[in-house]
Amino acid sequence: MGTSDTQTVDISVDQSEKNIGKNDPCEAARQVTAMVLGNAKAGS
């Protein structure tokens, strides 16, 4: 994920076995990314 012209963030998400086939892994990754970037912006 690009955060600026000079910085990136690498985020890796694994689903638990109970969520495989039930929840969209891409949507889970988008939600985690939004939380991480929201927290990063709040802390700067």
Protein backbone atom coordinates (compact mmCIF):
# COMPACT_ATOMS: atom_id res chain seq x y z
CA MET A 1 0.00 0.00 0.00
CA GLY A 2 1.48 3.33 -1.01
CA THR A 3 1.16 5.95 1.70
CA SER A 4 3.12 8.71 -0.04
CA ASP A 5 5.58 9.25 -2.89
CA THR A 6 8.38 7.88 -0.69
CA GLN A 7 6.75 5.44 1.75
CA THR A 8 4.89 2.13 1.56
CA VAL A 9 3.26 -0.20 4.06
CA ASP A 10 3.21 -3.98 3.59
CA ILE A 11 0.20 -5.63 5.25
CA SER A 12 -0.36 -9.39 5.38
CA VAL A 13 -3.67 -10.89 6.53
CA ASP A 14 -4.45 -14.55 7.21
CA GLN A 15 -7.95 -15.83 7.81
CA SER A 16 -8.74 -18.28 10.55
CA GLU A 17 -9.88 -21.71 9.43
CA LYS A 18 -13.47 -21.01 10.52
CA ASN A 19 -13.65 -18.05 8.07
CA ILE A 20 -12.18 -19.77 5.01
CA GLY A 21 -14.92 -20.10 2.40
CA LYS A 22 -17.32 -17.98 4.46
CA ASN A 23 -15.81 -14.49 4.40
CA ASP A 24 -14.18 -12.68 1.48
CA PRO A 25 -10.42 -12.53 2.22
CA CYS A 26 -10.00 -9.42 0.03
CA GLU A 27 -12.63 -7.54 2.01
CA ALA A 28 -10.95 -8.59 5.28
CA ALA A 29 -7.62 -7.29 3.96
CA ARG A 30 -9.25 -3.97 2.92
CA GLN A 31 -10.74 -3.55 6.40
CA VAL A 32 -7.42 -4.25 8.12
CA THR A 33 -5.61 -1.86 5.77
CA ALA A 34 -8.14 0.90 6.46
CA MET A 35 -7.66 0.43 10.22
CA VAL A 36 -3.85 0.45 9.97
CA LEU A 37 -3.76 3.57 7.78
CA GLY A 38 -6.33 5.31 9.99
CA ASN A 39 -4.20 4.63 13.06
CA ALA A 40 -1.01 5.71 11.25
CA LYS A 41 -2.58 9.03 10.22
CA ALA A 42 -3.92 9.64 13.73
CA GLY A 43 -0.46 9.07 15.21
CA SER A 44 1.38 11.49 12.92
